[in-house]
PDB file of N, CA and C in Angstrom:
ATOM      1  N   MET A   1     -45.178  74.803 -39.167  1.00  0.00           N
ATOM      2  CA  MET A   1     -44.139  74.084 -38.401  1.00  0.00           C
ATOM      3  C   MET A   1     -44.777  73.435 -37.172  1.00  0.00           C
ATOM      4  N   GLN A   2     -44.368  72.230 -36.893  1.00  0.00           N
ATOM      5  CA  GLN A   2     -44.938  71.503 -35.763  1.00  0.00           C
ATOM      6  C   GLN A   2     -43.950  71.462 -34.600  1.00  0.00           C
ATOM      7  N   GLY A   3     -44.464  71.718 -33.393  1.00  0.00           N
ATOM      8  CA  GLY A   3     -43.604  71.599 -32.208  1.00  0.00           C
ATOM      9  C   GLY A   3     -43.754  70.204 -31.648  1.00  0.00           C
ATOM     10  N   GLY A   4     -42.637  69.514 -31.433  1.00  0.00           N
ATOM     11  CA  GLY A   4     -42.757  68.134 -30.956  1.00  0.00           C
ATOM     12  C   GLY A   4     -41.566  67.725 -30.129  1.00  0.00           C
ATOM     13  N   THR A   5     -41.050  66.531 -30.396  1.00  0.00           N
ATOM     14  CA  THR A   5     -39.943  66.003 -29.604  1.00  0.00           C
ATOM     15  C   THR A   5     -38.657  66.763 -29.909  1.00  0.00           C
ATOM     16  N   GLY A   6     -37.697  66.677 -28.994  1.00  0.00           N
ATOM     17  CA  GLY A   6     -36.416  67.355 -29.191  1.00  0.00           C
ATOM     18  C   GLY A   6     -35.714  66.816 -30.419  1.00  0.00           C
ATOM     19  N   GLY A   7     -35.865  65.511 -30.653  1.00  0.00           N
ATOM     20  CA  GLY A   7     -35.203  64.900 -31.808  1.00  0.00           C
ATOM     21  C   GLY A   7     -35.681  65.541 -33.101  1.00  0.00           C
ATOM     22  N   MET A   8     -36.977  65.806 -33.168  1.00  0.00           N
ATOM     23  CA  MET A   8     -37.534  66.403 -34.376  1.00  0.00           C
ATOM     24  C   MET A   8     -36.955  67.798 -34.593  1.00  0.00           C
ATOM     25  N   SER A   9     -36.967  68.627 -33.539  1.00  0.00           N
ATOM     26  CA  SER A   9     -36.436  69.982 -33.666  1.00  0.00           C
ATOM     27  C   SER A   9     -34.951  69.930 -34.032  1.00  0.00           C
ATOM     28  N   GLU A  10     -34.269  68.934 -33.496  1.00  0.00           N
ATOM     29  CA  GLU A  10     -32.840  68.797 -33.808  1.00  0.00           C
ATOM     30  C   GLU A  10     -32.677  68.526 -35.305  1.00  0.00           C
ATOM     31  N   GLU A  11     -33.524  67.635 -35.826  1.00  0.00           N
ATOM     32  CA  GLU A  11     -33.447  67.306 -37.244  1.00  0.00           C
ATOM     33  C   GLU A  11     -33.760  68.548 -38.076  1.00  0.00           C
ATOM     34  N   MET A  12     -34.778  69.286 -37.648  1.00  0.00           N
ATOM     35  CA  MET A  12     -35.166  70.487 -38.378  1.00  0.00           C
ATOM     36  C   MET A  12     -34.022  71.496 -38.383  1.00  0.00           C
ATOM     37  N   ALA A  13     -33.359  71.650 -37.243  1.00  0.00           N
ATOM     38  CA  ALA A  13     -32.240  72.585 -37.148  1.00  0.00           C
ATOM     39  C   ALA A  13     -31.143  72.170 -38.124  1.00  0.00           C
ATOM     40  N   GLY A  14     -30.874  70.875 -38.192  1.00  0.00           N
ATOM     41  CA  GLY A  14     -29.842  70.382 -39.107  1.00  0.00           C
ATOM     42  C   GLY A  14     -30.221  70.685 -40.545  1.00  0.00           C
ATOM     43  N   ARG A  15     -31.487  70.455 -40.864  1.00  0.00           N
ATOM     44  CA  ARG A  15     -31.938  70.728 -42.233  1.00  0.00           C
ATOM     45  C   ARG A  15     -31.844  72.214 -42.528  1.00  0.00           C
ATOM     46  N   HIS A  16     -32.220  73.028 -41.549  1.00  0.00           N
ATOM     47  CA  HIS A  16     -32.174  74.476 -41.730  1.00  0.00           C
ATOM     48  C   HIS A  16     -30.738  74.923 -41.995  1.00  0.00           C
ATOM     49  N   GLU A  17     -29.805  74.307 -41.267  1.00  0.00           N
ATOM     50  CA  GLU A  17     -28.391  74.658 -41.450  1.00  0.00           C
ATOM     51  C   GLU A  17     -27.973  74.352 -42.887  1.00  0.00           C
ATOM     52  N   ILE A  18     -28.388  73.179 -43.385  1.00  0.00           N
ATOM     53  CA  ILE A  18     -28.032  72.785 -44.754  1.00  0.00           C
ATOM     54  C   ILE A  18     -28.658  73.770 -45.737  1.00  0.00           C
ATOM     55  N   LEU A  19     -29.911  74.136 -45.486  1.00  0.00           N
ATOM     56  CA  LEU A  19     -30.597  75.069 -46.383  1.00  0.00           C
ATOM     57  C   LEU A  19     -29.864  76.405 -46.406  1.00  0.00           C
ATOM     58  N   LEU A  20     -29.466  76.882 -45.224  1.00  0.00           N
ATOM     59  CA  LEU A  20     -28.745  78.152 -45.148  1.00  0.00           C
ATOM     60  C   LEU A  20     -27.450  78.073 -45.944  1.00  0.00           C
ATOM     61  N   THR A  21     -26.755  76.938 -45.832  1.00  0.00           N
ATOM     62  CA  THR A  21     -25.499  76.757 -46.570  1.00  0.00           C
ATOM     63  C   THR A  21     -25.769  76.791 -48.063  1.00  0.00           C
ATOM     64  N   LEU A  22     -26.835  76.112 -48.488  1.00  0.00           N
ATOM     65  CA  LEU A  22     -27.171  76.082 -49.917  1.00  0.00           C
ATOM     66  C   LEU A  22     -27.529  77.484 -50.400  1.00  0.00           C
ATOM     67  N   VAL A  23     -28.295  78.201 -49.587  1.00  0.00           N
ATOM     68  CA  VAL A  23     -28.687  79.565 -49.961  1.00  0.00           C
ATOM     69  C   VAL A  23     -27.454  80.452 -50.082  1.00  0.00           C
ATOM     70  N   ALA A  24     -26.534  80.310 -49.122  1.00  0.00           N
ATOM     71  CA  ALA A  24     -25.311  81.112 -49.147  1.00  0.00           C
ATOM     72  C   ALA A  24     -24.515  80.801 -50.409  1.00  0.00           C
ATOM     73  N   ALA A  25     -24.421  79.511 -50.747  1.00  0.00           N
ATOM     74  CA  ALA A  25     -23.675  79.118 -51.946  1.00  0.00           C
ATOM     75  C   ALA A  25     -24.364  79.682 -53.185  1.00  0.00           C
ATOM     76  N   GLY A  26     -25.697  79.640 -53.198  1.00  0.00           N
ATOM     77  CA  GLY A  26     -26.439  80.163 -54.348  1.00  0.00           C
ATOM     78  C   GLY A  26     -26.242  81.668 -54.485  1.00  0.00           C
ATOM     79  N   ALA A  27     -26.209  82.380 -53.357  1.00  0.00           N
ATOM     80  CA  ALA A  27     -26.026  83.830 -53.399  1.00  0.00           C
ATOM     81  C   ALA A  27     -24.630  84.165 -53.915  1.00  0.00           C
ATOM     82  N   ALA A  28     -23.643  83.371 -53.509  1.00  0.00           N
ATOM     83  CA  ALA A  28     -22.271  83.625 -53.935  1.00  0.00           C
ATOM     84  C   ALA A  28     -22.115  83.307 -55.424  1.00  0.00           C
ATOM     85  N   ARG A  29     -22.774  82.226 -55.863  1.00  0.00           N
ATOM     86  CA  ARG A  29     -22.645  81.825 -57.269  1.00  0.00           C
ATOM     87  C   ARG A  29     -23.942  81.141 -57.685  1.00  0.00           C
ATOM     88  N   PRO A  30     -24.918  81.917 -58.181  1.00  0.00           N
ATOM     89  CA  PRO A  30     -26.230  81.360 -58.547  1.00  0.00           C
ATOM     90  C   PRO A  30     -26.104  80.271 -59.593  1.00  0.00           C
ATOM     91  N   PRO A  31     -26.594  79.074 -59.307  1.00  0.00           N
ATOM     92  CA  PRO A  31     -26.530  77.962 -60.250  1.00  0.00           C
ATOM     93  C   PRO A  31     -27.651  78.054 -61.285  1.00  0.00           C
ATOM     94  N   PRO A  32     -27.502  77.369 -62.404  1.00  0.00           N
ATOM     95  CA  PRO A  32     -28.534  77.386 -63.449  1.00  0.00           C
ATOM     96  C   PRO A  32     -29.865  76.840 -62.945  1.00  0.00           C
ATOM     97  N   LEU A  33     -29.812  76.055 -61.859  1.00  0.00           N
ATOM     98  CA  LEU A  33     -31.045  75.498 -61.297  1.00  0.00           C
ATOM     99  C   LEU A  33     -31.986  76.619 -60.869  1.00  0.00           C
ATOM    100  N   ASN A  34     -31.422  77.749 -60.426  1.00  0.00           N
ATOM    101  CA  ASN A  34     -32.257  78.870 -60.005  1.00  0.00           C
ATOM    102  C   ASN A  34     -33.169  79.304 -61.140  1.00  0.00           C
ATOM    103  N   VAL A  35     -32.634  79.309 -62.361  1.00  0.00           N
ATOM    104  CA  VAL A  35     -33.429  79.717 -63.520  1.00  0.00           C
ATOM    105  C   VAL A  35     -34.584  78.741 -63.711  1.00  0.00           C
ATOM    106  N   TRP A  36     -34.294  77.457 -63.542  1.00  0.00           N
ATOM    107  CA  TRP A  36     -35.336  76.438 -63.714  1.00  0.00           C
ATOM    108  C   TRP A  36     -36.428  76.631 -62.672  1.00  0.00           C
ATOM    109  N   VAL A  37     -36.014  76.905 -61.427  1.00  0.00           N
ATOM    110  CA  VAL A  37     -36.996  77.077 -60.351  1.00  0.00           C
ATOM    111  C   VAL A  37     -37.852  78.308 -60.625  1.00  0.00           C
ATOM    112  N   LYS A  38     -37.228  79.381 -61.104  1.00  0.00           N
ATOM    113  CA  LYS A  38     -37.964  80.616 -61.383  1.00  0.00           C
ATOM    114  C   LYS A  38     -39.022  80.355 -62.452  1.00  0.00           C
ATOM    115  N   ARG A  39     -38.692  79.541 -63.431  1.00  0.00           N
ATOM    116  CA  ARG A  39     -39.633  79.216 -64.498  1.00  0.00           C
ATOM    117  C   ARG A  39     -40.695  78.360 -63.924  1.00  0.00           C
TER     118      ARG A  39
END
């Protein structure tokens, strides 16, 4: 991870939030994509 401008960290935080949401959704109801990724 690179430390830089506030804008960059802000973007990273936004992406992290989206990732957390996706992970939460996957934990609640694992999609078939998980199987593909595991393979």
